[in-house]
Protein backbone atom coordinates (compact mmCIF):
# COMPACT_ATOMS: atom_id res chain seq x y z
CA MET A 1 -15.61 6.27 4.00
CA ALA A 2 -12.27 5.03 2.73
CA ILE A 3 -10.51 1.70 3.05
CA THR A 4 -6.84 1.76 3.92
CA ILE A 5 -4.69 -1.34 3.78
CA ASN A 6 -1.24 -1.50 5.30
CA ILE A 7 0.79 -4.28 3.70
CA TYR A 8 4.13 -5.15 5.26
CA TYR A 9 6.29 -6.91 2.65
CA THR A 10 9.17 -8.89 4.15
CA GLY A 11 11.95 -10.76 2.42
CA GLU A 12 15.68 -11.40 2.64
CA GLY A 13 18.75 -9.65 1.27
CA GLY A 14 16.98 -6.39 0.53
CA SER A 15 14.36 -8.09 -1.66
CA ALA A 16 11.43 -6.08 -0.27
CA LYS A 17 13.11 -2.79 -1.16
CA LYS A 18 14.02 -4.14 -4.61
CA PHE A 19 10.38 -5.14 -5.12
CA ALA A 20 9.12 -1.67 -4.24
CA GLU A 21 11.74 -0.08 -6.49
CA GLU A 22 10.73 -2.32 -9.43
CA MET A 23 7.03 -1.61 -8.78
CA VAL A 24 7.83 2.08 -9.23
CA SER A 25 10.37 1.82 -12.08
CA SER A 26 8.18 -0.56 -14.12
CA GLY A 27 5.26 1.88 -14.02
CA VAL A 28 2.93 -0.45 -12.10
CA VAL A 29 2.59 2.04 -9.25
CA ASP A 30 1.58 4.83 -11.63
CA GLU A 31 -0.98 2.52 -13.25
CA ILE A 32 -2.47 1.64 -9.86
CA ARG A 33 -2.59 5.29 -8.81
CA ALA A 34 -4.51 6.04 -12.03
CA GLU A 35 -7.18 3.43 -11.28
CA GLU A 36 -10.60 4.82 -10.44
CA GLY A 37 -11.11 4.96 -6.71
CA ASN A 38 -7.44 4.89 -5.70
CA ILE A 39 -6.67 7.47 -3.06
CA ARG A 40 -3.13 6.54 -2.05
CA TYR A 41 -0.47 4.02 -3.01
CA GLU A 42 2.86 4.67 -1.31
CA TYR A 43 5.83 2.64 -0.10
CA PHE A 44 7.76 3.38 3.08
CA PHE A 45 11.03 1.91 4.32
CA HIS A 46 11.21 0.64 7.87
CA MET A 47 13.92 2.30 9.99
CA ASP A 48 14.45 -0.64 12.33
CA ASP A 49 13.81 -3.57 9.99
CA LYS A 50 15.74 -3.26 6.72
CA GLU A 51 13.98 -6.36 5.33
CA THR A 52 10.46 -4.92 5.56
CA VAL A 53 8.70 -2.37 3.35
CA LEU A 54 5.30 -0.86 4.20
CA LEU A 55 2.75 -0.16 1.49
CA ILE A 56 -0.11 2.18 2.41
CA ASP A 57 -2.88 1.50 -0.08
CA SER A 58 -6.15 3.47 0.17
CA TRP A 59 -9.35 3.14 -1.85
CA LYS A 60 -12.57 5.14 -2.04
CA ASP A 61 -14.77 2.14 -1.25
CA GLN A 62 -14.96 -1.67 -1.38
CA SER A 63 -16.20 -1.63 -4.98
CA SER A 64 -13.06 0.25 -6.11
CA LEU A 65 -10.86 -2.19 -4.21
CA ASP A 66 -12.72 -5.17 -5.71
CA LYS A 67 -12.18 -3.78 -9.23
CA HIS A 68 -8.47 -3.34 -8.46
CA HIS A 69 -8.26 -6.96 -7.22
CA ALA A 70 -9.92 -8.15 -10.45
CA SER A 71 -7.67 -6.02 -12.68
CA PRO A 72 -4.53 -7.07 -14.60
CA MET A 73 -2.53 -5.14 -11.98
CA MET A 74 -2.90 -7.98 -9.53
CA ALA A 75 -1.11 -10.40 -11.88
CA LYS A 76 1.76 -7.93 -12.23
CA ILE A 77 1.98 -7.44 -8.46
CA THR A 78 1.82 -11.19 -7.81
CA LYS A 79 4.53 -11.89 -10.38
CA LEU A 80 6.89 -9.37 -8.77
CA ARG A 81 6.02 -10.50 -5.25
CA ASN A 82 6.90 -14.09 -6.24
CA LYS A 83 10.07 -12.95 -8.04
CA TYR A 84 11.34 -11.43 -4.79
CA ASP A 85 9.92 -14.24 -2.58
CA LEU A 86 8.08 -11.85 -0.30
CA HIS A 87 5.77 -12.61 2.60
CA MET A 88 3.03 -10.27 3.75
CA LYS A 89 1.33 -9.07 6.90
CA VAL A 90 -1.89 -7.13 6.18
CA GLU A 91 -3.85 -4.66 8.29
CA ARG A 92 -7.14 -3.20 7.06
CA TYR A 93 -8.78 0.01 8.30
CA VAL A 94 -12.07 1.69 7.41
CA SER A 95 -12.27 5.45 8.02
CA ASP A 96 -15.22 6.89 9.88
CA ASP A 97 -15.12 10.26 8.06
CA ALA A 98 -15.40 12.04 11.42
CA GLY A 99 -11.98 13.64 11.05
CA VAL A 100 -9.60 14.37 13.87
CA PRO A 101 -11.39 14.96 17.19
CA SER A 102 -10.98 18.43 18.63
CA THR A 103 -9.38 16.89 21.74
CA ASP A 104 -6.52 15.60 19.49
CA GLU A 105 -6.04 18.83 17.52
CA LYS A 106 -3.76 20.37 20.17
CA PHE A 107 -1.21 17.61 19.48
CA ILE A 108 -1.04 18.26 15.74
CA ARG A 109 1.33 20.86 14.36
CA LYS A 110 0.23 22.14 10.98
């Protein structure tokens, strides 16, 4: 099982992209990726909405995510999020560990 959270950060005047860039350049992203239980922490830029950035954030389990939420990283993230006046839409997914069904395999080019 893994928990994946999609966070859509939205701001004005390119602030969401600036936030993501500062998260990377300040080293916060590397620190989060080094946390125990982190599987993925990546930003993506929206092709149709230049004011929105997507973060895909995956964790091994709820305990790992809870530790991350209680860590000093959250204060750093919150400070930057407030600096850039961002708003968030959050989606949460829990994997079933079943993998890709064989009926879907024919649609995947590897």
